[in-house]
C-alpha cells in the first residue's frame, strides 16, 4: 500500500462511491441512489469519508452525527484490500470526527448475515447490544 489518503467525499465522487458499494459493501439501501448520496454530501459535507490509495477508492464509511448520537453506515473496504489497515484508518477518522463534534458513543448497523463485517466491528472494539432491535418504516415507495 502506498500513502493512504482519507478525505471527505464531494459531489464529484457520487458515481464512484455508488459503483464502489456494489463491489465492496454488503446489502443495499433505499438511500444508495445518486439523489440520496448527494443529499448526504450536501447536508453534511464531512459525513461520507473516503479512503484512497494510488488514486483509487478503497474504502468508505458514513459517520453521521445528529447532535445526539453518532451513527456509522456503509463501512466498506474493497475485498482485495482488506486486512491492510484501511478499515482501521476509516474508523479512526470517523471516531475523531465524532469526538470533535461532541459525540460520546458510536453505533453501527451490521447485517446479521454479514459475518465478515461483524468480525471487523468486533476487531475495532464494537460489540452488539442484544437488548436493542432496529425498527424501520420506508417513507417513500
Protein backbone atom coordinates (compact mmCIF):
# COMPACT_ATOMS: atom_id res chain seq x y z
CA UNK A 1 0.00 0.00 0.00
CA UNK A 2 1.27 3.44 -0.86
CA UNK A 3 0.19 6.54 1.02
CA UNK A 4 -3.42 6.06 2.14
CA UNK A 5 -5.44 9.25 1.79
CA UNK A 6 -8.51 9.80 3.99
CA UNK A 7 -10.84 12.60 2.91
CA UNK A 8 -14.44 13.71 2.82
CA UNK A 9 -16.42 12.92 -0.31
CA UNK A 10 -17.55 15.65 -2.68
CA UNK A 11 -20.38 15.69 -5.20
CA UNK A 12 -17.85 14.69 -7.85
CA UNK A 13 -17.40 11.35 -6.02
CA UNK A 14 -21.06 10.25 -6.04
CA UNK A 15 -20.95 7.88 -9.01
CA UNK A 16 -17.59 6.40 -7.97
CA UNK A 17 -18.86 5.77 -4.44
CA UNK A 18 -22.06 4.13 -5.66
CA UNK A 19 -20.13 1.85 -8.03
CA UNK A 20 -17.69 1.00 -5.22
CA UNK A 21 -20.52 -0.03 -2.89
CA UNK A 22 -21.75 -2.53 -5.49
CA UNK A 23 -18.36 -4.26 -5.25
CA UNK A 24 -17.39 -3.76 -1.60
CA UNK A 25 -20.49 -3.14 0.54
CA UNK A 26 -22.84 -5.75 1.93
CA UNK A 27 -26.50 -5.22 1.15
CA UNK A 28 -28.24 -2.22 -0.34
CA UNK A 29 -30.22 0.70 0.98
CA UNK A 30 -33.07 2.74 -0.46
CA UNK A 31 -30.80 5.74 0.12
CA UNK A 32 -27.99 4.43 -2.11
CA UNK A 33 -29.31 6.17 -5.21
CA UNK A 34 -27.48 9.23 -6.56
CA UNK A 35 -30.01 11.66 -5.06
CA UNK A 36 -29.76 10.05 -1.62
CA UNK A 37 -25.97 10.11 -1.51
CA UNK A 38 -25.99 13.62 -2.96
CA UNK A 39 -28.31 14.84 -0.20
CA UNK A 40 -25.99 13.37 2.42
CA UNK A 41 -22.94 15.16 1.00
CA UNK A 42 -24.86 18.43 0.59
CA UNK A 43 -26.32 18.34 4.12
CA UNK A 44 -23.19 17.19 5.94
CA UNK A 45 -20.09 17.52 3.73
CA UNK A 46 -17.83 15.71 6.22
CA UNK A 47 -20.07 12.68 6.86
CA UNK A 48 -19.06 10.47 3.92
CA UNK A 49 -15.41 9.59 4.49
CA UNK A 50 -13.34 8.01 1.72
CA UNK A 51 -10.06 6.10 1.73
CA UNK A 52 -7.99 6.31 -1.44
CA UNK A 53 -4.81 4.52 -2.42
CA UNK A 54 -2.98 5.05 -5.70
CA UNK A 55 -5.77 7.42 -6.71
CA UNK A 56 -8.48 4.78 -6.43
CA UNK A 57 -11.27 4.37 -3.91
CA UNK A 58 -10.51 1.53 -1.47
CA UNK A 59 -12.87 2.24 1.42
CA UNK A 60 -15.84 4.24 2.73
CA UNK A 61 -17.70 4.96 5.92
CA UNK A 62 -20.57 7.31 6.66
CA UNK A 63 -20.07 9.00 10.02
CA UNK A 64 -23.44 10.60 10.70
CA UNK A 65 -23.96 12.79 13.75
CA UNK A 66 -27.36 14.29 14.52
CA UNK A 67 -26.23 16.27 17.54
CA UNK A 68 -27.31 13.46 19.85
CA UNK A 69 -25.98 10.17 18.52
CA UNK A 70 -23.11 9.02 16.34
CA UNK A 71 -24.08 6.51 13.65
CA UNK A 72 -21.81 4.59 11.30
CA UNK A 73 -23.07 3.29 7.96
CA UNK A 74 -21.72 1.92 4.68
CA UNK A 75 -18.39 0.86 6.19
CA UNK A 76 -16.78 -0.95 3.29
CA UNK A 77 -13.27 -1.86 2.19
CA UNK A 78 -12.52 -3.25 -1.26
CA UNK A 79 -12.46 -7.08 -0.98
CA UNK A 80 -8.95 -7.25 -2.45
CA UNK A 81 -7.61 -4.67 0.01
CA UNK A 82 -8.96 -5.91 3.33
CA UNK A 83 -6.80 -6.59 6.41
CA UNK A 84 -4.31 -3.86 5.48
CA UNK A 85 -5.35 -1.14 7.92
CA UNK A 86 -7.77 0.69 5.62
CA UNK A 87 -10.81 -0.02 7.76
CA UNK A 88 -8.95 0.99 10.91
CA UNK A 89 -7.94 4.29 9.31
CA UNK A 90 -11.52 4.98 8.23
CA UNK A 91 -12.95 4.23 11.66
CA UNK A 92 -10.28 6.35 13.35
CA UNK A 93 -11.25 9.28 11.11
CA UNK A 94 -14.94 8.74 11.86
CA UNK A 95 -14.39 8.48 15.61
CA UNK A 96 -12.17 11.58 15.61
CA UNK A 97 -14.96 13.44 13.82
CA UNK A 98 -17.48 12.34 16.41
CA UNK A 99 -15.28 13.41 19.34
CA UNK A 100 -14.64 16.79 17.68
CA UNK A 101 -18.42 17.26 17.36
CA UNK A 102 -19.09 16.26 20.98
CA UNK A 103 -20.22 12.70 20.34
CA UNK A 104 -20.00 10.22 23.20
CA UNK A 105 -20.77 6.82 21.72
CA UNK A 106 -20.81 5.46 18.19
CA UNK A 107 -23.06 2.72 16.89
CA UNK A 108 -23.00 0.74 13.68
CA UNK A 109 -25.66 -1.08 11.73
CA UNK A 110 -24.44 -4.53 10.66
CA UNK A 111 -26.50 -7.12 8.79
CA UNK A 112 -26.99 -10.39 10.69
CA UNK A 113 -25.68 -12.41 7.75
CA UNK A 114 -22.57 -10.23 7.31
CA UNK A 115 -20.08 -12.35 9.27
CA UNK A 116 -17.08 -10.56 7.76
CA UNK A 117 -18.50 -7.22 8.86
CA UNK A 118 -19.30 -8.48 12.34
CA UNK A 119 -15.71 -9.68 12.72
CA UNK A 120 -14.38 -6.29 11.56
CA UNK A 121 -16.57 -4.39 14.01
CA UNK A 122 -15.55 -6.64 16.91
CA UNK A 123 -11.89 -6.20 15.99
CA UNK A 124 -12.41 -2.43 16.13
CA UNK A 125 -13.79 -2.64 19.69
CA UNK A 126 -17.52 -2.57 18.92
CA UNK A 127 -19.95 -5.07 20.43
CA UNK A 128 -23.56 -5.97 19.65
CA UNK A 129 -26.23 -4.70 22.00
CA UNK A 130 -28.71 -7.54 22.08
CA UNK A 131 -31.30 -5.54 24.04
CA UNK A 132 -31.94 -3.28 21.01
CA UNK A 133 -33.86 -4.04 17.86
CA UNK A 134 -33.98 -1.74 14.88
CA UNK A 135 -37.43 -0.68 13.73
CA UNK A 136 -37.82 0.82 10.27
CA UNK A 137 -40.53 2.21 8.02
CA UNK A 138 -39.94 3.26 4.41
CA UNK A 139 -41.17 6.83 3.87
CA UNK A 140 -41.41 6.53 0.09
CA UNK A 141 -42.41 3.79 -2.34
